[in-house]
Amino acid sequence: LDAAALFQGQASKAGIQVAIKRQPADSYWDDVWMKAP
């Protein structure tokens, strides 16, 4: 999550706007990994 926040700030300088969607830890590998874009 810290890495995501840093990337969010860094990418904005290149015209890339990043919204961070914080996902539940317990279901991350079942519901997010290989499924979220």
PDB file of all heavy atoms in Angstrom:
ATOM      1  N   LEU A   1       0.824  -1.205   0.000  1.00  0.00           N
ATOM      2  CA  LEU A   1       0.000   0.000   0.000  1.00  0.00           C
ATOM      3  C   LEU A   1       0.860   1.258   0.000  1.00  0.00           C
ATOM      4  O   LEU A   1       0.533   2.255  -0.658  1.00  0.00           O
ATOM      5  CB  LEU A   1      -0.943  -0.014   1.205  1.00  0.00           C
ATOM      6  CG  LEU A   1      -2.094  -1.020   1.104  1.00  0.00           C
ATOM      7  CD1 LEU A   1      -2.774  -1.203   2.457  1.00  0.00           C
ATOM      8  CD2 LEU A   1      -3.113  -0.574   0.056  1.00  0.00           C
ATOM      9  N   ASP A   2       1.979   1.222   0.713  1.00  0.00           N
ATOM     10  CA  ASP A   2       2.909   2.353   0.679  1.00  0.00           C
ATOM     11  C   ASP A   2       3.491   2.516  -0.720  1.00  0.00           C
ATOM     12  O   ASP A   2       3.637   3.635  -1.221  1.00  0.00           O
ATOM     13  CB  ASP A   2       4.037   2.147   1.688  1.00  0.00           C
ATOM     14  CG  ASP A   2       3.567   2.212   3.126  1.00  0.00           C
ATOM     15  OD1 ASP A   2       2.513   2.827   3.380  1.00  0.00           O
ATOM     16  OD2 ASP A   2       4.255   1.657   3.999  1.00  0.00           O
ATOM     17  N   ALA A   3       3.849   1.387  -1.349  1.00  0.00           N
ATOM     18  CA  ALA A   3       4.399   1.439  -2.710  1.00  0.00           C
ATOM     19  C   ALA A   3       3.367   1.999  -3.686  1.00  0.00           C
ATOM     20  O   ALA A   3       3.702   2.782  -4.584  1.00  0.00           O
ATOM     21  CB  ALA A   3       4.853   0.047  -3.139  1.00  0.00           C
ATOM     22  N   ALA A   4       2.120   1.609  -3.506  1.00  0.00           N
ATOM     23  CA  ALA A   4       1.056   2.112  -4.376  1.00  0.00           C
ATOM     24  C   ALA A   4       0.902   3.620  -4.233  1.00  0.00           C
ATOM     25  O   ALA A   4       0.732   4.345  -5.229  1.00  0.00           O
ATOM     26  CB  ALA A   4      -0.259   1.405  -4.052  1.00  0.00           C
ATOM     27  N   ALA A   5       0.972   4.106  -3.006  1.00  0.00           N
ATOM     28  CA  ALA A   5       0.833   5.545  -2.771  1.00  0.00           C
ATOM     29  C   ALA A   5       1.996   6.325  -3.381  1.00  0.00           C
ATOM     30  O   ALA A   5       1.802   7.410  -3.956  1.00  0.00           O
ATOM     31  CB  ALA A   5       0.738   5.815  -1.273  1.00  0.00           C
ATOM     32  N   LEU A   6       3.201   5.802  -3.260  1.00  0.00           N
ATOM     33  CA  LEU A   6       4.354   6.459  -3.865  1.00  0.00           C
ATOM     34  C   LEU A   6       4.230   6.487  -5.387  1.00  0.00           C
ATOM     35  O   LEU A   6       4.491   7.507  -6.038  1.00  0.00           O
ATOM     36  CB  LEU A   6       5.645   5.754  -3.452  1.00  0.00           C
ATOM     37  CG  LEU A   6       6.125   6.008  -2.017  1.00  0.00           C
ATOM     38  CD1 LEU A   6       7.246   5.050  -1.656  1.00  0.00           C
ATOM     39  CD2 LEU A   6       6.599   7.445  -1.866  1.00  0.00           C
ATOM     40  N   PHE A   7       3.839   5.358  -5.961  1.00  0.00           N
ATOM     41  CA  PHE A   7       3.654   5.291  -7.415  1.00  0.00           C
ATOM     42  C   PHE A   7       2.584   6.276  -7.870  1.00  0.00           C
ATOM     43  O   PHE A   7       2.716   6.922  -8.918  1.00  0.00           O
ATOM     44  CB  PHE A   7       3.286   3.858  -7.815  1.00  0.00           C
ATOM     45  CG  PHE A   7       2.884   3.702  -9.254  1.00  0.00           C
ATOM     46  CD1 PHE A   7       3.752   4.045 -10.279  1.00  0.00           C
ATOM     47  CD2 PHE A   7       1.623   3.215  -9.582  1.00  0.00           C
ATOM     48  CE1 PHE A   7       3.370   3.904 -11.610  1.00  0.00           C
ATOM     49  CE2 PHE A   7       1.240   3.070 -10.909  1.00  0.00           C
ATOM     50  CZ  PHE A   7       2.120   3.417 -11.930  1.00  0.00           C
ATOM     51  N   GLN A   8       1.537   6.406  -7.083  1.00  0.00           N
ATOM     52  CA  GLN A   8       0.448   7.335  -7.414  1.00  0.00           C
ATOM     53  C   GLN A   8       0.993   8.753  -7.607  1.00  0.00           C
ATOM     54  O   GLN A   8       0.660   9.430  -8.579  1.00  0.00           O
ATOM     55  CB  GLN A   8      -0.596   7.314  -6.299  1.00  0.00           C
ATOM     56  CG  GLN A   8      -1.802   8.189  -6.529  1.00  0.00           C
ATOM     57  CD  GLN A   8      -2.750   8.153  -5.325  1.00  0.00           C
ATOM     58  OE1 GLN A   8      -2.315   8.345  -4.179  1.00  0.00           O
ATOM     59  NE2 GLN A   8      -4.023   7.880  -5.586  1.00  0.00           N
ATOM     60  N   GLY A   9       1.841   9.184  -6.685  1.00  0.00           N
ATOM     61  CA  GLY A   9       2.412  10.517  -6.778  1.00  0.00           C
ATOM     62  C   GLY A   9       3.410  10.646  -7.916  1.00  0.00           C
ATOM     63  O   GLY A   9       3.451  11.662  -8.614  1.00  0.00           O
ATOM     64  N   GLN A  10       4.219   9.613  -8.105  1.00  0.00           N
ATOM     65  CA  GLN A  10       5.244   9.658  -9.148  1.00  0.00           C
ATOM     66  C   GLN A  10       4.629   9.643 -10.541  1.00  0.00           C
ATOM     67  O   GLN A  10       5.046  10.380 -11.441  1.00  0.00           O
ATOM     68  CB  GLN A  10       6.196   8.471  -8.962  1.00  0.00           C
ATOM     69  CG  GLN A  10       6.986   8.519  -7.669  1.00  0.00           C
ATOM     70  CD  GLN A  10       7.520   7.154  -7.240  1.00  0.00           C
ATOM     71  OE1 GLN A  10       7.319   6.148  -7.922  1.00  0.00           O
ATOM     72  NE2 GLN A  10       8.196   7.126  -6.089  1.00  0.00           N
ATOM     73  N   ALA A  11       3.622   8.793 -10.738  1.00  0.00           N
ATOM     74  CA  ALA A  11       3.004   8.647 -12.061  1.00  0.00           C
ATOM     75  C   ALA A  11       2.232   9.898 -12.477  1.00  0.00           C
ATOM     76  O   ALA A  11       2.103  10.183 -13.677  1.00  0.00           O
ATOM     77  CB  ALA A  11       2.078   7.433 -12.068  1.00  0.00           C
ATOM     78  N   SER A  12       1.743  10.658 -11.501  1.00  0.00           N
ATOM     79  CA  SER A  12       0.965  11.854 -11.838  1.00  0.00           C
ATOM     80  C   SER A  12       1.797  12.867 -12.617  1.00  0.00           C
ATOM     81  O   SER A  12       1.263  13.629 -13.426  1.00  0.00           O
ATOM     82  CB  SER A  12       0.407  12.497 -10.561  1.00  0.00           C
ATOM     83  OG  SER A  12       1.470  13.000  -9.749  1.00  0.00           O
ATOM     84  N   LYS A  13       3.110  12.851 -12.403  1.00  0.00           N
ATOM     85  CA  LYS A  13       3.985  13.781 -13.122  1.00  0.00           C
ATOM     86  C   LYS A  13       4.116  13.408 -14.588  1.00  0.00           C
ATOM     87  O   LYS A  13       4.604  14.203 -15.391  1.00  0.00           O
ATOM     88  CB  LYS A  13       5.355  13.811 -12.457  1.00  0.00           C
ATOM     89  CG  LYS A  13       5.324  14.334 -11.029  1.00  0.00           C
ATOM     90  CD  LYS A  13       6.702  14.315 -10.384  1.00  0.00           C
ATOM     91  CE  LYS A  13       6.638  14.812  -8.946  1.00  0.00           C
ATOM     92  NZ  LYS A  13       7.982  14.776  -8.294  1.00  0.00           N
ATOM     93  N   ALA A  14       3.688  12.208 -14.932  1.00  0.00           N
ATOM     94  CA  ALA A  14       3.725  11.755 -16.324  1.00  0.00           C
ATOM     95  C   ALA A  14       2.351  11.789 -16.967  1.00  0.00           C
ATOM     96  O   ALA A  14       2.165  11.288 -18.071  1.00  0.00           O
ATOM     97  CB  ALA A  14       4.290  10.332 -16.383  1.00  0.00           C
ATOM     98  N   GLY A  15       1.371  12.354 -16.262  1.00  0.00           N
ATOM     99  CA  GLY A  15       0.017  12.403 -16.802  1.00  0.00           C
ATOM    100  C   GLY A  15      -0.769  11.134 -16.565  1.00  0.00           C
ATOM    101  O   GLY A  15      -1.800  10.907 -17.199  1.00  0.00           O
ATOM    102  N   ILE A  16      -0.300  10.300 -15.639  1.00  0.00           N
ATOM    103  CA  ILE A  16      -0.988   9.049 -15.308  1.00  0.00           C
ATOM    104  C   ILE A  16      -1.638   9.214 -13.940  1.00  0.00           C
ATOM    105  O   ILE A  16      -0.932   9.344 -12.917  1.00  0.00           O
ATOM    106  CB  ILE A  16      -0.013   7.856 -15.302  1.00  0.00           C
ATOM    107  CG1 ILE A  16       0.668   7.725 -16.669  1.00  0.00           C
ATOM    108  CG2 ILE A  16      -0.737   6.571 -14.935  1.00  0.00           C
ATOM    109  CD1 ILE A  16       1.791   6.690 -16.695  1.00  0.00           C
ATOM    110  N   GLN A  17      -2.944   9.245 -13.902  1.00  0.00           N
ATOM    111  CA  GLN A  17      -3.677   9.406 -12.650  1.00  0.00           C
ATOM    112  C   GLN A  17      -4.069   8.027 -12.120  1.00  0.00           C
ATOM    113  O   GLN A  17      -4.732   7.256 -12.810  1.00  0.00           O
ATOM    114  CB  GLN A  17      -4.928  10.260 -12.865  1.00  0.00           C
ATOM    115  CG  GLN A  17      -4.635  11.642 -13.434  1.00  0.00           C
ATOM    116  CD  GLN A  17      -3.696  12.457 -12.560  1.00  0.00           C
ATOM    117  OE1 GLN A  17      -3.858  12.503 -11.335  1.00  0.00           O
ATOM    118  NE2 GLN A  17      -2.717  13.098 -13.187  1.00  0.00           N
ATOM    119  N   VAL A  18      -3.637   7.716 -10.905  1.00  0.00           N
ATOM    120  CA  VAL A  18      -3.850   6.391 -10.319  1.00  0.00           C
ATOM    121  C   VAL A  18      -4.753   6.507  -9.099  1.00  0.00           C
ATOM    122  O   VAL A  18      -4.433   7.214  -8.135  1.00  0.00           O
ATOM    123  CB  VAL A  18      -2.508   5.731  -9.916  1.00  0.00           C
ATOM    124  CG1 VAL A  18      -2.759   4.359  -9.276  1.00  0.00           C
ATOM    125  CG2 VAL A  18      -1.587   5.606 -11.126  1.00  0.00           C
ATOM    126  N   ALA A  19      -5.877   5.821  -9.127  1.00  0.00           N
ATOM    127  CA  ALA A  19      -6.751   5.696  -7.958  1.00  0.00           C
ATOM    128  C   ALA A  19      -6.463   4.347  -7.303  1.00  0.00           C
ATOM    129  O   ALA A  19      -6.448   3.313  -7.978  1.00  0.00           O
ATOM    130  CB  ALA A  19      -8.210   5.780  -8.375  1.00  0.00           C
ATOM    131  N   ILE A  20      -6.219   4.360  -6.016  1.00  0.00           N
ATOM    132  CA  ILE A  20      -5.871   3.129  -5.304  1.00  0.00           C
ATOM    133  C   ILE A  20      -7.127   2.513  -4.699  1.00  0.00           C
ATOM    134  O   ILE A  20      -7.845   3.174  -3.934  1.00  0.00           O
ATOM    135  CB  ILE A  20      -4.831   3.406  -4.204  1.00  0.00           C
ATOM    136  CG1 ILE A  20      -3.561   3.987  -4.815  1.00  0.00           C
ATOM    137  CG2 ILE A  20      -4.521   2.124  -3.431  1.00  0.00           C
ATOM    138  CD1 ILE A  20      -2.560   4.473  -3.787  1.00  0.00           C
ATOM    139  N   LYS A  21      -7.381   1.266  -5.045  1.00  0.00           N
ATOM    140  CA  LYS A  21      -8.507   0.533  -4.476  1.00  0.00           C
ATOM    141  C   LYS A  21      -7.952  -0.453  -3.454  1.00  0.00           C
ATOM    142  O   LYS A  21      -7.342  -1.457  -3.806  1.00  0.00           O
ATOM    143  CB  LYS A  21      -9.283  -0.217  -5.562  1.00  0.00           C
ATOM    144  CG  LYS A  21     -10.533  -0.916  -5.037  1.00  0.00           C
ATOM    145  CD  LYS A  21     -11.340  -1.535  -6.174  1.00  0.00           C
ATOM    146  CE  LYS A  21     -12.625  -2.166  -5.651  1.00  0.00           C
ATOM    147  NZ  LYS A  21     -13.424  -2.770  -6.753  1.00  0.00           N
ATOM    148  N   ARG A  22      -8.163  -0.150  -2.199  1.00  0.00           N
ATOM    149  CA  ARG A  22      -7.644  -1.001  -1.118  1.00  0.00           C
ATOM    150  C   ARG A  22      -8.527  -2.239  -0.985  1.00  0.00           C
ATOM    151  O   ARG A  22      -9.734  -2.138  -0.742  1.00  0.00           O
ATOM    152  CB  ARG A  22      -7.602  -0.232   0.191  1.00  0.00           C
ATOM    153  CG  ARG A  22      -6.999  -1.011   1.336  1.00  0.00           C
ATOM    154  CD  ARG A  22      -6.694  -0.100   2.505  1.00  0.00           C
ATOM    155  NE  ARG A  22      -6.029  -0.821   3.577  1.00  0.00           N
ATOM    156  CZ  ARG A  22      -5.268  -0.240   4.496  1.00  0.00           C
ATOM    157  NH1 ARG A  22      -5.086   1.069   4.460  1.00  0.00           N
ATOM    158  NH2 ARG A  22      -4.694  -0.950   5.432  1.00  0.00           N
ATOM    159  N   GLN A  23      -7.915  -3.404  -1.136  1.00  0.00           N
ATOM    160  CA  GLN A  23      -8.650  -4.665  -1.148  1.00  0.00           C
ATOM    161  C   GLN A  23      -8.454  -5.424   0.166  1.00  0.00           C
ATOM    162  O   GLN A  23      -7.402  -5.310   0.810  1.00  0.00           O
ATOM    163  CB  GLN A  23      -8.171  -5.541  -2.304  1.00  0.00           C
ATOM    164  CG  GLN A  23      -8.366  -4.925  -3.679  1.00  0.00           C
ATOM    165  CD  GLN A  23      -9.788  -5.074  -4.191  1.00  0.00           C
ATOM    166  OE1 GLN A  23     -10.678  -5.531  -3.474  1.00  0.00           O
ATOM    167  NE2 GLN A  23     -10.010  -4.697  -5.440  1.00  0.00           N
ATOM    168  N   PRO A  24      -9.470  -6.219   0.594  1.00  0.00           N
ATOM    169  CA  PRO A  24      -9.322  -7.016   1.817  1.00  0.00           C
ATOM    170  C   PRO A  24      -8.182  -8.024   1.697  1.00  0.00           C
ATOM    171  O   PRO A  24      -8.008  -8.658   0.643  1.00  0.00           O
ATOM    172  CB  PRO A  24     -10.674  -7.739   1.940  1.00  0.00           C
ATOM    173  CG  PRO A  24     -11.613  -6.953   1.083  1.00  0.00           C
ATOM    174  CD  PRO A  24     -10.786  -6.389  -0.027  1.00  0.00           C
ATOM    175  N   ALA A  25      -7.410  -8.161   2.752  1.00  0.00           N
ATOM    176  CA  ALA A  25      -6.255  -9.060   2.715  1.00  0.00           C
ATOM    177  C   ALA A  25      -6.668 -10.523   2.619  1.00  0.00           C
ATOM    178  O   ALA A  25      -6.044 -11.309   1.894  1.00  0.00           O
ATOM    179  CB  ALA A  25      -5.391  -8.841   3.959  1.00  0.00           C
ATOM    180  N   ASP A  26      -7.719 -10.916   3.340  1.00  0.00           N
ATOM    181  CA  ASP A  26      -8.068 -12.330   3.439  1.00  0.00           C
ATOM    182  C   ASP A  26      -8.531 -12.939   2.118  1.00  0.00           C
ATOM    183  O   ASP A  26      -8.420 -14.145   1.918  1.00  0.00           O
ATOM    184  CB  ASP A  26      -9.155 -12.535   4.500  1.00  0.00           C
ATOM    185  CG  ASP A  26      -8.625 -12.371   5.914  1.00  0.00           C
ATOM    186  OD1 ASP A  26      -7.382 -12.360   6.070  1.00  0.00           O
ATOM    187  OD2 ASP A  26      -9.427 -12.236   6.847  1.00  0.00           O
ATOM    188  N   SER A  27      -9.061 -12.106   1.232  1.00  0.00           N
ATOM    189  CA  SER A  27      -9.583 -12.648  -0.018  1.00  0.00           C
ATOM    190  C   SER A  27      -8.787 -12.191  -1.240  1.00  0.00           C
ATOM    191  O   SER A  27      -9.211 -12.411  -2.374  1.00  0.00           O
ATOM    192  CB  SER A  27     -11.058 -12.232  -0.187  1.00  0.00           C
ATOM    193  OG  SER A  27     -11.188 -10.822  -0.173  1.00  0.00           O
ATOM    194  N   TYR A  28      -7.637 -11.566  -0.999  1.00  0.00           N
ATOM    195  CA  TYR A  28      -6.904 -10.929  -2.095  1.00  0.00           C
ATOM    196  C   TYR A  28      -6.505 -11.922  -3.180  1.00  0.00           C
ATOM    197  O   TYR A  28      -6.688 -11.672  -4.367  1.00  0.00           O
ATOM    198  CB  TYR A  28      -5.663 -10.223  -1.545  1.00  0.00           C
ATOM    199  CG  TYR A  28      -4.993  -9.323  -2.560  1.00  0.00           C
ATOM    200  CD1 TYR A  28      -5.483  -8.061  -2.826  1.00  0.00           C
ATOM    201  CD2 TYR A  28      -3.863  -9.749  -3.265  1.00  0.00           C
ATOM    202  CE1 TYR A  28      -4.878  -7.224  -3.764  1.00  0.00           C
ATOM    203  CE2 TYR A  28      -3.253  -8.927  -4.198  1.00  0.00           C
ATOM    204  CZ  TYR A  28      -3.768  -7.659  -4.442  1.00  0.00           C
ATOM    205  OH  TYR A  28      -3.170  -6.853  -5.378  1.00  0.00           O
ATOM    206  N   TRP A  29      -5.972 -13.058  -2.782  1.00  0.00           N
ATOM    207  CA  TRP A  29      -5.451 -13.999  -3.772  1.00  0.00           C
ATOM    208  C   TRP A  29      -6.571 -14.749  -4.490  1.00  0.00           C
ATOM    209  O   TRP A  29      -6.358 -15.249  -5.606  1.00  0.00           O
ATOM    210  CB  TRP A  29      -4.477 -14.971  -3.112  1.00  0.00           C
ATOM    211  CG  TRP A  29      -3.302 -14.231  -2.555  1.00  0.00           C
ATOM    212  CD1 TRP A  29      -3.022 -13.979  -1.244  1.00  0.00           C
ATOM    213  CD2 TRP A  29      -2.267 -13.582  -3.305  1.00  0.00           C
ATOM    214  NE1 TRP A  29      -1.889 -13.222  -1.126  1.00  0.00           N
ATOM    215  CE2 TRP A  29      -1.400 -12.966  -2.378  1.00  0.00           C
ATOM    216  CE3 TRP A  29      -1.989 -13.451  -4.673  1.00  0.00           C
ATOM    217  CZ2 TRP A  29      -0.269 -12.236  -2.776  1.00  0.00           C
ATOM    218  CZ3 TRP A  29      -0.878 -12.728  -5.070  1.00  0.00           C
ATOM    219  CH2 TRP A  29      -0.041 -12.131  -4.128  1.00  0.00           C
ATOM    220  N   ASP A  30      -7.736 -14.810  -3.905  1.00  0.00           N
ATOM    221  CA  ASP A  30      -8.861 -15.476  -4.560  1.00  0.00           C
ATOM    222  C   ASP A  30      -9.662 -14.526  -5.447  1.00  0.00           C
ATOM    223  O   ASP A  30     -10.105 -14.906  -6.544  1.00  0.00           O
ATOM    224  CB  ASP A  30      -9.802 -16.087  -3.514  1.00  0.00           C
ATOM    225  CG  ASP A  30      -9.176 -17.264  -2.795  1.00  0.00           C
ATOM    226  OD1 ASP A  30      -8.433 -18.025  -3.438  1.00  0.00           O
ATOM    227  OD2 ASP A  30      -9.410 -17.408  -1.583  1.00  0.00           O
ATOM    228  N   ASP A  31      -9.829 -13.286  -4.989  1.00  0.00           N
ATOM    229  CA  ASP A  31     -10.764 -12.379  -5.654  1.00  0.00           C
ATOM    230  C   ASP A  31     -10.109 -11.287  -6.488  1.00  0.00           C
ATOM    231  O   ASP A  31     -10.786 -10.661  -7.327  1.00  0.00           O
ATOM    232  CB  ASP A  31     -11.673 -11.714  -4.604  1.00  0.00           C
ATOM    233  CG  ASP A  31     -12.525 -12.719  -3.847  1.00  0.00           C
ATOM    234  OD1 ASP A  31     -12.719 -13.833  -4.371  1.00  0.00           O
ATOM    235  OD2 ASP A  31     -12.975 -12.394  -2.731  1.00  0.00           O
ATOM    236  N   VAL A  32      -8.823 -11.027  -6.262  1.00  0.00           N
ATOM    237  CA  VAL A  32      -8.175  -9.897  -6.935  1.00  0.00           C
ATOM    238  C   VAL A  32      -7.064 -10.351  -7.876  1.00  0.00           C
ATOM    239  O   VAL A  32      -7.051  -9.986  -9.053  1.00  0.00           O
ATOM    240  CB  VAL A  32      -7.617  -8.894  -5.902  1.00  0.00           C
ATOM    241  CG1 VAL A  32      -6.934  -7.721  -6.601  1.00  0.00           C
ATOM    242  CG2 VAL A  32      -8.726  -8.400  -4.986  1.00  0.00           C
ATOM    243  N   TRP A  33      -6.132 -11.136  -7.370  1.00  0.00           N
ATOM    244  CA  TRP A  33      -4.985 -11.574  -8.167  1.00  0.00           C
ATOM    245  C   TRP A  33      -5.449 -12.324  -9.417  1.00  0.00           C
ATOM    246  O   TRP A  33      -6.305 -13.199  -9.341  1.00  0.00           O
ATOM    247  CB  TRP A  33      -4.083 -12.460  -7.319  1.00  0.00           C
ATOM    248  CG  TRP A  33      -2.851 -12.960  -8.015  1.00  0.00           C
ATOM    249  CD1 TRP A  33      -1.854 -12.207  -8.558  1.00  0.00           C
ATOM    250  CD2 TRP A  33      -2.500 -14.322  -8.225  1.00  0.00           C
ATOM    251  NE1 TRP A  33      -0.885 -13.028  -9.092  1.00  0.00           N
ATOM    252  CE2 TRP A  33      -1.254 -14.333  -8.912  1.00  0.00           C
ATOM    253  CE3 TRP A  33      -3.094 -15.535  -7.904  1.00  0.00           C
ATOM    254  CZ2 TRP A  33      -0.609 -15.516  -9.278  1.00  0.00           C
ATOM    255  CZ3 TRP A  33      -2.458 -16.707  -8.266  1.00  0.00           C
ATOM    256  CH2 TRP A  33      -1.230 -16.691  -8.944  1.00  0.00           C
ATOM    257  N   MET A  34      -4.934 -11.945 -10.561  1.00  0.00           N
ATOM    258  CA  MET A  34      -5.246 -12.519 -11.867  1.00  0.00           C
ATOM    259  C   MET A  34      -6.669 -12.195 -12.332  1.00  0.00           C
ATOM    260  O   MET A  34      -7.113 -12.700 -13.355  1.00  0.00           O
ATOM    261  CB  MET A  34      -5.009 -14.035 -11.895  1.00  0.00           C
ATOM    262  CG  MET A  34      -3.559 -14.424 -11.730  1.00  0.00           C
ATOM    263  SD  MET A  34      -3.228 -16.164 -12.081  1.00  0.00           S
ATOM    264  CE  MET A  34      -3.513 -16.219 -13.871  1.00  0.00           C
ATOM    265  N   LYS A  35      -7.372 -11.344 -11.577  1.00  0.00           N
ATOM    266  CA  LYS A  35      -8.743 -10.981 -11.959  1.00  0.00           C
ATOM    267  C   LYS A  35      -8.898  -9.470 -12.158  1.00  0.00           C
ATOM    268  O   LYS A  35      -9.574  -9.047 -13.085  1.00  0.00           O
ATOM    269  CB  LYS A  35      -9.737 -11.487 -10.906  1.00  0.00           C
ATOM    270  CG  LYS A  35      -9.788 -13.011 -10.826  1.00  0.00           C
ATOM    271  CD  LYS A  35     -10.729 -13.481  -9.735  1.00  0.00           C
ATOM    272  CE  LYS A  35     -10.727 -15.011  -9.664  1.00  0.00           C
ATOM    273  NZ  LYS A  35     -11.574 -15.530  -8.559  1.00  0.00           N
ATOM    274  N   ALA A  36      -8.286  -8.675 -11.283  1.00  0.00           N
ATOM    275  CA  ALA A  36      -8.368  -7.227 -11.435  1.00  0.00           C
ATOM    276  C   ALA A  36      -7.513  -6.778 -12.625  1.00  0.00           C
ATOM    277  O   ALA A  36      -6.440  -7.338 -12.866  1.00  0.00           O
ATOM    278  CB  ALA A  36      -7.910  -6.534 -10.157  1.00  0.00           C
ATOM    279  N   PRO A  37      -7.943  -5.777 -13.373  1.00  0.00           N
ATOM    280  CA  PRO A  37      -7.167  -5.334 -14.539  1.00  0.00           C
ATOM    281  C   PRO A  37      -5.770  -4.825 -14.183  1.00  0.00           C
ATOM    282  O   PRO A  37      -4.829  -5.002 -14.953  1.00  0.00           O
ATOM    283  CB  PRO A  37      -8.028  -4.207 -15.124  1.00  0.00           C
ATOM    284  CG  PRO A  37      -9.408  -4.492 -14.641  1.00  0.00           C
ATOM    285  CD  PRO A  37      -9.244  -5.097 -13.276  1.00  0.00           C
TER     286      PRO A  37
END
